[in-house]
Amino acid sequence: MGTGQRTERAASSMRLAFA
């Protein structure tokens, strides 16, 4: 848990925006 922290956060933001 640390290498994909930035990607995970970006994906969450994109998913919320797409929803």
PDB file of N, CA and C in Angstrom:
ATOM      1  N   MET A   1       0.856  -1.197   0.000  1.00  0.00           N
ATOM      2  CA  MET A   1       0.000   0.000   0.000  1.00  0.00           C
ATOM      3  C   MET A   1       0.890   1.245   0.000  1.00  0.00           C
ATOM      4  N   GLY A   2       1.146   1.778  -1.168  1.00  0.00           N
ATOM      5  CA  GLY A   2       2.017   2.963  -1.198  1.00  0.00           C
ATOM      6  C   GLY A   2       2.394   3.284  -2.643  1.00  0.00           C
ATOM      7  N   THR A   3       2.527   2.218  -3.430  1.00  0.00           N
ATOM      8  CA  THR A   3       2.910   2.463  -4.833  1.00  0.00           C
ATOM      9  C   THR A   3       1.691   2.887  -5.636  1.00  0.00           C
ATOM     10  N   GLY A   4       0.544   2.351  -5.296  1.00  0.00           N
ATOM     11  CA  GLY A   4      -0.668   2.691  -6.061  1.00  0.00           C
ATOM     12  C   GLY A   4      -1.585   3.596  -5.254  1.00  0.00           C
ATOM     13  N   GLN A   5      -1.007   4.351  -4.339  1.00  0.00           N
ATOM     14  CA  GLN A   5      -1.859   5.258  -3.531  1.00  0.00           C
ATOM     15  C   GLN A   5      -2.333   6.424  -4.399  1.00  0.00           C
ATOM     16  N   ARG A   6      -1.452   6.941  -5.202  1.00  0.00           N
ATOM     17  CA  ARG A   6      -1.806   8.095  -6.057  1.00  0.00           C
ATOM     18  C   ARG A   6      -2.784   7.613  -7.135  1.00  0.00           C
ATOM     19  N   THR A   7      -2.485   6.486  -7.715  1.00  0.00           N
ATOM     20  CA  THR A   7      -3.382   5.975  -8.779  1.00  0.00           C
ATOM     21  C   THR A   7      -4.752   5.630  -8.202  1.00  0.00           C
ATOM     22  N   GLU A   8      -4.741   5.051  -7.013  1.00  0.00           N
ATOM     23  CA  GLU A   8      -6.026   4.676  -6.392  1.00  0.00           C
ATOM     24  C   GLU A   8      -6.861   5.935  -6.143  1.00  0.00           C
ATOM     25  N   ARG A   9      -6.229   6.975  -5.694  1.00  0.00           N
ATOM     26  CA  ARG A   9      -6.977   8.219  -5.368  1.00  0.00           C
ATOM     27  C   ARG A   9      -7.481   8.808  -6.696  1.00  0.00           C
ATOM     28  N   ALA A  10      -6.663   8.825  -7.713  1.00  0.00           N
ATOM     29  CA  ALA A  10      -7.071   9.409  -9.004  1.00  0.00           C
ATOM     30  C   ALA A  10      -8.250   8.602  -9.574  1.00  0.00           C
ATOM     31  N   ALA A  11      -8.182   7.293  -9.441  1.00  0.00           N
ATOM     32  CA  ALA A  11      -9.262   6.438  -9.967  1.00  0.00           C
ATOM     33  C   ALA A  11     -10.555   6.722  -9.201  1.00  0.00           C
ATOM     34  N   SER A  12     -10.439   6.922  -7.916  1.00  0.00           N
ATOM     35  CA  SER A  12     -11.641   7.201  -7.092  1.00  0.00           C
ATOM     36  C   SER A  12     -12.266   8.524  -7.549  1.00  0.00           C
ATOM     37  N   SER A  13     -11.439   9.509  -7.775  1.00  0.00           N
ATOM     38  CA  SER A  13     -11.942  10.840  -8.190  1.00  0.00           C
ATOM     39  C   SER A  13     -12.590  10.730  -9.574  1.00  0.00           C
ATOM     40  N   MET A  14     -11.951   9.996 -10.457  1.00  0.00           N
ATOM     41  CA  MET A  14     -12.479   9.856 -11.823  1.00  0.00           C
ATOM     42  C   MET A  14     -13.814   9.097 -11.780  1.00  0.00           C
ATOM     43  N   ARG A  15     -13.869   8.085 -10.928  1.00  0.00           N
ATOM     44  CA  ARG A  15     -15.104   7.264 -10.842  1.00  0.00           C
ATOM     45  C   ARG A  15     -16.235   8.154 -10.317  1.00  0.00           C
ATOM     46  N   LEU A  16     -15.937   8.964  -9.335  1.00  0.00           N
ATOM     47  CA  LEU A  16     -16.980   9.838  -8.755  1.00  0.00           C
ATOM     48  C   LEU A  16     -17.437  10.839  -9.817  1.00  0.00           C
ATOM     49  N   ALA A  17     -16.514  11.318 -10.594  1.00  0.00           N
ATOM     50  CA  ALA A  17     -16.847  12.313 -11.624  1.00  0.00           C
ATOM     51  C   ALA A  17     -17.661  11.638 -12.737  1.00  0.00           C
ATOM     52  N   PHE A  18     -17.319  10.399 -13.040  1.00  0.00           N
ATOM     53  CA  PHE A  18     -18.031   9.689 -14.111  1.00  0.00           C
ATOM     54  C   PHE A  18     -19.433   9.300 -13.660  1.00  0.00           C
ATOM     55  N   ALA A  19     -19.553   9.037 -12.352  1.00  0.00           N
ATOM     56  CA  ALA A  19     -20.855   8.610 -11.811  1.00  0.00           C
ATOM     57  C   ALA A  19     -21.775   9.815 -11.848  1.00  0.00           C
TER      58      ALA A  19
END
